[in-house]
Every structure is written in C-alpha cells, then in structure tokens.
C-alpha atoms as a PDB file:
ATOM      1  CA  MET A   1     133.210-122.601  75.008  1.00  0.00           C
ATOM      2  CA  ALA A   2     130.940-121.629  78.032  1.00  0.00           C
ATOM      3  CA  ASP A   3     133.865-122.885  80.654  1.00  0.00           C
ATOM      4  CA  GLN A   4     136.464-120.277  78.311  1.00  0.00           C
ATOM      5  CA  SER A   5     134.186-117.457  78.603  1.00  0.00           C
ATOM      6  CA  SER A   6     133.429-118.032  82.470  1.00  0.00           C
ATOM      7  CA  ILE A   7     137.278-118.151  82.488  1.00  0.00           C
ATOM      8  CA  GLN A   8     137.567-114.891  80.783  1.00  0.00           C
ATOM      9  CA  ASP A   9     135.207-113.278  83.201  1.00  0.00           C
ATOM     10  CA  LYS A  10     136.308-114.551  86.162  1.00  0.00           C
ATOM     11  CA  GLN A  11     140.481-112.909  84.537  1.00  0.00           C
ATOM     12  CA  LYS A  12     138.462-109.867  83.898  1.00  0.00           C
ATOM     13  CA  THR A  13     137.258-109.434  87.497  1.00  0.00           C
ATOM     14  CA  LEU A  14     140.576-110.591  88.649  1.00  0.00           C
ATOM     15  CA  ASP A  15     142.041-107.686  86.934  1.00  0.00           C
ATOM     16  CA  GLN A  16     139.494-105.154  87.753  1.00  0.00           C
ATOM     17  CA  LEU A  17     140.148-105.806  91.330  1.00  0.00           C
ATOM     18  CA  LYS A  18     143.756-105.793  90.985  1.00  0.00           C
ATOM     19  CA  ALA A  19     143.066-102.417  89.480  1.00  0.00           C
ATOM     20  CA  GLN A  20     141.166-101.351  92.577  1.00  0.00           C
ATOM     21  CA  VAL A  21     143.667-102.579  95.243  1.00  0.00           C
ATOM     22  CA  LYS A  22     146.506-100.538  93.265  1.00  0.00           C
ATOM     23  CA  SER A  23     143.980 -97.615  93.042  1.00  0.00           C
ATOM     24  CA  LEU A  24     143.641 -97.935  97.135  1.00  0.00           C
ATOM     25  CA  GLU A  25     147.196 -98.589  97.827  1.00  0.00           C
ATOM     26  CA  THR A  26     148.221 -95.529  95.854  1.00  0.00           C
ATOM     27  CA  ASP A  27     145.534 -93.047  98.184  1.00  0.00           C
ATOM     28  CA  LEU A  28     146.884 -94.731 101.062  1.00  0.00           C
ATOM     29  CA  ALA A  29     150.685 -93.733 100.067  1.00  0.00           C
ATOM     30  CA  ALA A  30     149.743 -90.304  99.097  1.00  0.00           C
ATOM     31  CA  SER A  31     147.628 -89.787 102.318  1.00  0.00           C
ATOM     32  CA  ASP A  32     150.657 -89.953 104.583  1.00  0.00           C
ATOM     33  CA  ILE A  33     149.361 -91.595 107.240  1.00  0.00           C
ATOM     34  CA  PRO A  34     151.715 -93.955 109.099  1.00  0.00           C
ATOM     35  CA  ARG A  35     150.530 -97.178 110.145  1.00  0.00           C
ATOM     36  CA  ASP A  36     151.718 -97.017 113.711  1.00  0.00           C
ATOM     37  CA  TRP A  37     152.386 -93.879 115.294  1.00  0.00           C
ATOM     38  CA  LYS A  38     156.049 -93.212 116.678  1.00  0.00           C
ATOM     39  CA  PRO A  39     157.423 -90.278 118.587  1.00  0.00           C
ATOM     40  CA  ARG A  40     160.076 -88.239 117.176  1.00  0.00           C
ATOM     41  CA  GLY A  41     163.012 -88.832 119.245  1.00  0.00           C
ATOM     42  CA  PHE A  42     162.508 -88.754 123.171  1.00  0.00           C
ATOM     43  CA  TYR A  43     159.016 -89.000 124.303  1.00  0.00           C
ATOM     44  CA  SER A  44     159.882 -86.635 127.280  1.00  0.00           C
ATOM     45  CA  MET A  45     155.887 -85.902 127.965  1.00  0.00           C
ATOM     46  CA  TYR A  46     155.379 -89.410 128.467  1.00  0.00           C
ATOM     47  CA  TYR A  47     158.438 -90.309 130.718  1.00  0.00           C
ATOM     48  CA  VAL A  48     157.375 -86.937 132.856  1.00  0.00           C
ATOM     49  CA  THR A  49     153.783 -88.626 133.114  1.00  0.00           C
ATOM     50  CA  VAL A  50     154.603 -91.904 134.174  1.00  0.00           C
ATOM     51  CA  GLY A  51     157.870 -90.436 136.417  1.00  0.00           C
ATOM     52  CA  PHE A  52     155.090 -88.782 138.373  1.00  0.00           C
ATOM     53  CA  VAL A  53     152.940 -91.933 139.075  1.00  0.00           C
ATOM     54  CA  LEU A  54     156.081 -94.012 139.654  1.00  0.00           C
ATOM     55  CA  GLY A  55     157.178 -90.973 141.900  1.00  0.00           C
ATOM     56  CA  GLY A  56     154.410 -91.497 143.983  1.00  0.00           C
ATOM     57  CA  PHE A  57     155.342 -95.430 144.881  1.00  0.00           C
ATOM     58  CA  ALA A  58     159.212 -94.213 145.236  1.00  0.00           C
ATOM     59  CA  ALA A  59     157.752 -91.708 148.218  1.00  0.00           C
ATOM     60  CA  MET A  60     156.023 -94.350 149.884  1.00  0.00           C
ATOM     61  CA  VAL A  61     159.119 -96.600 149.785  1.00  0.00           C
ATOM     62  CA  SER A  62     161.596 -93.816 151.375  1.00  0.00           C
ATOM     63  CA  LEU A  63     158.838 -93.461 154.076  1.00  0.00           C
ATOM     64  CA  LEU A  64     158.496 -96.637 154.929  1.00  0.00           C
ATOM     65  CA  PHE A  65     162.211 -96.700 155.286  1.00  0.00           C
ATOM     66  CA  ASN A  66     162.216 -93.643 157.261  1.00  0.00           C
ATOM     67  CA  VAL A  67     159.470 -94.966 159.864  1.00  0.00           C
ATOM     68  CA  ILE A  68     161.400 -98.297 160.108  1.00  0.00           C
ATOM     69  CA  GLY A  69     164.605 -96.450 161.178  1.00  0.00           C
ATOM     70  CA  SER A  70     163.306 -94.080 163.344  1.00  0.00           C
ATOM     71  CA  THR A  71     161.766 -96.965 165.030  1.00  0.00           C
ATOM     72  CA  VAL A  72     164.880 -98.835 165.267  1.00  0.00           C
ATOM     73  CA  ALA A  73     166.795 -95.446 166.635  1.00  0.00           C
ATOM     74  CA  GLY A  74     164.093 -95.160 169.109  1.00  0.00           C
ATOM     75  CA  LYS A  75     162.487 -91.747 167.703  1.00  0.00           C
ATOM     76  CA  TYR A  76     159.211 -91.293 166.625  1.00  0.00           C
ATOM     77  CA  PRO A  77     158.670 -93.075 163.846  1.00  0.00           C
ATOM     78  CA  LEU A  78     157.258 -90.236 161.922  1.00  0.00           C
ATOM     79  CA  GLU A  79     159.707 -88.294 163.044  1.00  0.00           C
ATOM     80  CA  ILE A  80     160.783 -86.517 159.518  1.00  0.00           C
ATOM     81  CA  ILE A  81     157.392 -85.913 158.729  1.00  0.00           C
ATOM     82  CA  ARG A  82     157.262 -83.466 161.764  1.00  0.00           C
ATOM     83  CA  VAL A  83     160.465 -82.237 160.974  1.00  0.00           C
ATOM     84  CA  TYR A  84     159.569 -81.238 157.161  1.00  0.00           C
ATOM     85  CA  LEU A  85     156.396 -79.900 158.678  1.00  0.00           C
ATOM     86  CA  THR A  86     158.383 -77.165 160.249  1.00  0.00           C
ATOM     87  CA  PHE A  87     159.021 -75.388 156.914  1.00  0.00           C
ATOM     88  CA  PRO A  88     154.532 -74.417 156.955  1.00  0.00           C
ATOM     89  CA  LEU A  89     154.227 -74.804 160.948  1.00  0.00           C
ATOM     90  CA  GLY A  90     157.485 -73.797 162.564  1.00  0.00           C
ATOM     91  CA  GLU A  91     158.793 -75.046 165.673  1.00  0.00           C
ATOM     92  CA  LYS A  92     155.726 -76.060 166.785  1.00  0.00           C
ATOM     93  CA  ALA A  93     155.164 -79.374 164.298  1.00  0.00           C
ATOM     94  CA  LEU A  94     158.055 -80.748 165.972  1.00  0.00           C
ATOM     95  CA  PRO A  95     156.201 -82.379 169.547  1.00  0.00           C
ATOM     96  CA  LEU A  96     153.204 -83.621 167.116  1.00  0.00           C
ATOM     97  CA  GLY A  97     151.786 -86.892 167.753  1.00  0.00           C
ATOM     98  CA  SER A  98     153.551 -87.187 171.197  1.00  0.00           C
ATOM     99  CA  GLN A  99     152.735 -84.105 173.148  1.00  0.00           C
ATOM    100  CA  THR A 100     151.166 -84.166 176.390  1.00  0.00           C
ATOM    101  CA  GLY A 101     149.358 -80.992 176.848  1.00  0.00           C
ATOM    102  CA  ALA A 102     146.686 -78.841 174.678  1.00  0.00           C
ATOM    103  CA  SER A 103     147.567 -79.314 171.214  1.00  0.00           C
ATOM    104  CA  PRO A 104     148.170 -75.323 169.352  1.00  0.00           C
ATOM    105  CA  PHE A 105     146.502 -76.561 166.281  1.00  0.00           C
ATOM    106  CA  VAL A 106     142.880 -76.879 165.845  1.00  0.00           C
ATOM    107  CA  ILE A 107     142.606 -79.858 164.072  1.00  0.00           C
ATOM    108  CA  ASP A 108     144.102 -83.207 165.417  1.00  0.00           C
ATOM    109  CA  ASP A 109     147.718 -83.820 165.602  1.00  0.00           C
ATOM    110  CA  GLY A 110     147.066 -87.220 163.589  1.00  0.00           C
ATOM    111  CA  LEU A 111     145.276 -85.611 160.851  1.00  0.00           C
ATOM    112  CA  ILE A 112     147.926 -83.430 160.484  1.00  0.00           C
ATOM    113  CA  LEU A 113     150.446 -85.894 160.341  1.00  0.00           C
ATOM    114  CA  ALA A 114     148.306 -87.626 157.909  1.00  0.00           C
ATOM    115  CA  LEU A 115     148.479 -84.247 155.655  1.00  0.00           C
ATOM    116  CA  GLY A 116     152.445 -84.475 155.987  1.00  0.00           C
ATOM    117  CA  CYS A 117     152.503 -87.747 154.509  1.00  0.00           C
ATOM    118  CA  CYS A 118     150.261 -86.708 151.935  1.00  0.00           C
ATOM    119  CA  LEU A 119     152.553 -83.751 151.345  1.00  0.00           C
ATOM    120  CA  TYR A 120     155.810 -86.015 151.209  1.00  0.00           C
ATOM    121  CA  ILE A 121     154.146 -88.349 148.682  1.00  0.00           C
ATOM    122  CA  GLY A 122     153.158 -85.733 146.588  1.00  0.00           C
ATOM    123  CA  THR A 123     156.613 -83.925 146.651  1.00  0.00           C
ATOM    124  CA  GLY A 124     157.834 -87.289 145.545  1.00  0.00           C
ATOM    125  CA  MET A 125     155.371 -87.424 142.892  1.00  0.00           C
ATOM    126  CA  VAL A 126     156.626 -84.266 141.269  1.00  0.00           C
ATOM    127  CA  LEU A 127     160.499 -85.595 141.510  1.00  0.00           C
ATOM    128  CA  GLY A 128     159.675 -88.639 139.958  1.00  0.00           C
ATOM    129  CA  SER A 129     159.249 -86.782 136.959  1.00  0.00           C
ATOM    130  CA  LEU A 130     161.993 -85.440 137.170  1.00  0.00           C
ATOM    131  CA  PHE A 131     164.282 -88.587 137.962  1.00  0.00           C
ATOM    132  CA  HIS A 132     162.464 -91.199 135.652  1.00  0.00           C
ATOM    133  CA  ALA A 133     162.786 -88.445 132.628  1.00  0.00           C
ATOM    134  CA  VAL A 134     166.362 -88.097 133.471  1.00  0.00           C
ATOM    135  CA  ILE A 135     167.197 -91.889 133.793  1.00  0.00           C
ATOM    136  CA  ALA A 136     165.048 -92.813 130.781  1.00  0.00           C
ATOM    137  CA  ARG A 137     166.828 -90.620 128.738  1.00  0.00           C
ATOM    138  CA  PHE A 138     170.591 -91.664 129.558  1.00  0.00           C
ATOM    139  CA  ALA A 139     170.430 -94.907 130.897  1.00  0.00           C
ATOM    140  CA  GLU A 140     167.180 -96.358 129.529  1.00  0.00           C
ATOM    141  CA  ASP A 141     169.246 -99.325 127.909  1.00  0.00           C
ATOM    142  CA  LYS A 142     171.756 -99.533 130.302  1.00  0.00           C
ATOM    143  CA  SER A 143     172.119-102.568 133.184  1.00  0.00           C
ATOM    144  CA  MET A 144     170.175-101.985 136.294  1.00  0.00           C
ATOM    145  CA  ALA A 145     173.855-100.881 137.938  1.00  0.00           C
ATOM    146  CA  VAL A 146     174.019 -98.243 136.092  1.00  0.00           C
ATOM    147  CA  LYS A 147     169.965 -97.322 136.477  1.00  0.00           C
ATOM    148  CA  LEU A 148     171.161 -97.114 140.250  1.00  0.00           C
ATOM    149  CA  ILE A 149     174.032 -95.009 139.856  1.00  0.00           C
ATOM    150  CA  TRP A 150     171.968 -92.329 137.922  1.00  0.00           C
ATOM    151  CA  GLY A 151     169.488 -92.789 140.795  1.00  0.00           C
ATOM    152  CA  THR A 152     171.799 -92.182 143.507  1.00  0.00           C
ATOM    153  CA  ALA A 153     173.662 -89.190 141.903  1.00  0.00           C
ATOM    154  CA  LEU A 154     170.417 -87.460 141.219  1.00  0.00           C
ATOM    155  CA  GLY A 155     169.283 -88.047 144.815  1.00  0.00           C
ATOM    156  CA  THR A 156     172.436 -86.632 146.229  1.00  0.00           C
ATOM    157  CA  VAL A 157     171.925 -83.453 144.064  1.00  0.00           C
ATOM    158  CA  VAL A 158     168.204 -83.342 144.753  1.00  0.00           C
ATOM    159  CA  TRP A 159     169.283 -83.402 148.526  1.00  0.00           C
ATOM    160  CA  PHE A 160     172.041 -80.893 148.301  1.00  0.00           C
ATOM    161  CA  VAL A 161     170.217 -78.134 146.420  1.00  0.00           C
ATOM    162  CA  ASN A 162     167.047 -78.468 148.647  1.00  0.00           C
ATOM    163  CA  TYR A 163     169.005 -78.505 152.170  1.00  0.00           C
ATOM    164  CA  TYR A 164     171.977 -76.372 151.485  1.00  0.00           C
ATOM    165  CA  LEU A 165     171.163 -74.148 148.134  1.00  0.00           C
ATOM    166  CA  ILE A 166     167.272 -73.259 148.842  1.00  0.00           C
ATOM    167  CA  LEU A 167     166.163 -74.472 152.869  1.00  0.00           C
ATOM    168  CA  SER A 168     168.999 -73.374 154.788  1.00  0.00           C
ATOM    169  CA  TRP A 169     167.899 -69.553 153.696  1.00  0.00           C
ATOM    170  CA  LEU A 170     164.373 -69.566 152.819  1.00  0.00           C
ATOM    171  CA  GLN A 171     163.012 -71.590 156.373  1.00  0.00           C
ATOM    172  CA  PRO A 172     164.585 -69.307 158.339  1.00  0.00           C
ATOM    173  CA  SER A 173     163.872 -66.286 156.561  1.00  0.00           C
ATOM    174  CA  MET A 174     159.926 -67.185 156.654  1.00  0.00           C
ATOM    175  CA  PHE A 175     159.849 -69.181 159.302  1.00  0.00           C
ATOM    176  CA  GLY A 176     162.826 -67.911 162.031  1.00  0.00           C
ATOM    177  CA  GLY A 177     164.419 -71.208 162.376  1.00  0.00           C
ATOM    178  CA  ASN A 178     166.614 -73.728 160.332  1.00  0.00           C
ATOM    179  CA  TRP A 179     164.680 -77.013 162.094  1.00  0.00           C
ATOM    180  CA  ILE A 180     165.340 -79.291 158.655  1.00  0.00           C
ATOM    181  CA  THR A 181     169.093 -78.423 157.804  1.00  0.00           C
ATOM    182  CA  ASP A 182     169.893 -78.300 161.589  1.00  0.00           C
ATOM    183  CA  GLY A 183     171.368 -82.126 162.200  1.00  0.00           C
ATOM    184  CA  LYS A 184     169.661 -81.438 165.646  1.00  0.00           C
ATOM    185  CA  TYR A 185     166.267 -82.488 164.233  1.00  0.00           C
ATOM    186  CA  LEU A 186     167.390 -84.652 160.888  1.00  0.00           C
ATOM    187  CA  PRO A 187     170.923 -85.549 160.483  1.00  0.00           C
ATOM    188  CA  TRP A 188     172.546 -85.091 157.378  1.00  0.00           C
ATOM    189  CA  TRP A 189     173.102 -88.245 156.354  1.00  0.00           C
ATOM    190  CA  VAL A 190     169.569 -89.500 157.214  1.00  0.00           C
ATOM    191  CA  ALA A 191     168.132 -86.984 154.644  1.00  0.00           C
ATOM    192  CA  LEU A 192     170.862 -88.002 152.093  1.00  0.00           C
ATOM    193  CA  ALA A 193     169.848 -91.584 152.574  1.00  0.00           C
ATOM    194  CA  THR A 194     166.023 -90.878 152.139  1.00  0.00           C
ATOM    195  CA  HIS A 195     167.175 -88.731 149.235  1.00  0.00           C
ATOM    196  CA  ILE A 196     169.111 -92.167 147.655  1.00  0.00           C
ATOM    197  CA  VAL A 197     166.394 -94.685 148.617  1.00  0.00           C
ATOM    198  CA  PHE A 198     164.134 -92.458 146.641  1.00  0.00           C
ATOM    199  CA  GLY A 199     166.439 -92.338 143.783  1.00  0.00           C
ATOM    200  CA  TRP A 200     167.108 -96.115 143.865  1.00  0.00           C
ATOM    201  CA  SER A 201     163.162 -96.885 144.311  1.00  0.00           C
ATOM    202  CA  MET A 202     162.782 -94.692 140.598  1.00  0.00           C
ATOM    203  CA  ALA A 203     165.598 -96.676 139.146  1.00  0.00           C
ATOM    204  CA  LEU A 204     164.339-100.129 139.946  1.00  0.00           C
ATOM    205  CA  MET A 205     160.861 -99.149 138.752  1.00  0.00           C
ATOM    206  CA  GLU A 206     162.240 -97.480 135.469  1.00  0.00           C
ATOM    207  CA  PRO A 207     161.521-100.911 133.627  1.00  0.00           C
ATOM    208  CA  PHE A 208     157.990-100.818 133.964  1.00  0.00           C
ATOM    209  CA  GLY A 209     157.601 -97.193 132.710  1.00  0.00           C
ATOM    210  CA  ALA A 210     159.610 -97.637 129.921  1.00  0.00           C
ATOM    211  CA  TYR A 211     157.531 -96.589 126.625  1.00  0.00           C
ATOM    212  CA  VAL A 212     156.574 -99.461 123.993  1.00  0.00           C
ATOM    213  CA  PRO A 213     155.311 -98.509 121.010  1.00  0.00           C
ATOM    214  CA  TYR A 214     151.860-100.051 119.897  1.00  0.00           C
ATOM    215  CA  LYS A 215     151.592-102.557 117.559  1.00  0.00           C
ATOM    216  CA  ARG A 216     148.657-104.028 115.813  1.00  0.00           C
ATOM    217  CA  PRO A 217     147.811-107.380 116.030  1.00  0.00           C
ATOM    218  CA  THR A 218     147.892-108.076 112.139  1.00  0.00           C
ATOM    219  CA  ASP A 219     151.146-106.567 111.669  1.00  0.00           C
END
C-alpha cells in the first residue's frame, strides 16, 4: 500500500508539473515574443553601417593602388591627394610636398597631405555605405564574378557623376579652375581605375559584411 500511495503521489505531482508547463507555454505564446529577432525584409541600416566601415578599408586599397601607380609612372606618390586637395585649396595644392620655396600655408605640407589622406578615406567610408548596401541587396547570393561586375558598374557610375555632373562645374565656380577633371593633372582613366579598384575592394569584402541572424546555442 505504501508503494502504491507513493506512485500515486508522484503521478499527481507529475500531472501538476505538466499543467504548469502547459500554462507557461500558453503564456509565452500569448506574449508573441519571437525566439530570435529577424529583420523584416532587407536590413538596410545594418548594411549601410557595415559598408561605412568596409569603405574605409576599400579607400585605403585604392589609395595604395594610386601611390604605387604614381611611383611607377615617375610622379609624386600622393599625386591624387594633391589634385583632390585643389577643391578646397585651389591651385596652391598642386606643389604640396615638392615645393622648394616658402609654403603659402600656415601648417606644414606633410600635415596637409596627411589630412588629405584622411579626407580621402573618409569619403570612401561614405561611399562604402552605398556600395555595400547595393551589392548586398542585389548580389549577396550571387557569385563573386557578379559582385565584381556590380562593383565595376557602381565605381563607373560614381566616377561619372562626381567628375562630369558635379565637379566639372562646381570646382570652377567655387575656385576658378577645374584641376580635378582636367586630364593634364589627373587623366580620366586614372580616376576611373581608382573608382573601379574601390568597387572591386567592396565586392571582395562583401561576404565579410553579410548579415547572419543570431542563433541561441540551445537551438
């Protein structure tokens, strides 16, 4: 009898526990809290943020490409930085780093060029948000060849818009010269190659910035 009573007590306790579990499951279902959060549709903010970071690395790659290319061509290594600095500084930026006379600027040429490099990388970070979001949106599940095509297309479009639809009239109207778009200082194909290298870098780094939903270890 004692054993029978013990079994009945255990069965009763088990039934109570099952009822509590069922009640808890009902409460959890009613609360409508998902086990793992997932974005609805394309997670734009994530890709824009990650692209901002990756854009900095891509800008460094394209800058290194220009430094090596300029050195091989017998030009000043930071030639592209000097040309780009003509937008805020005008023609006085062209001899930066190689002028023999007194500098027209208060601060050292090296510091100005360093700031120019920072601006170059900062611009790449801004563009990286656009490049990464677009490549991820339309080619995230595609082959690397397709991603490189997207990088090439984006680089070409950004180059054309910046150089011929914006800078071609904005720089002359503000600073009295078109040193950036003038092939004498920066050949069009060099500028285009720089943008394409940037686009390729973003395409190659795209898998590192893919969004992977978090999964709990117990799942």
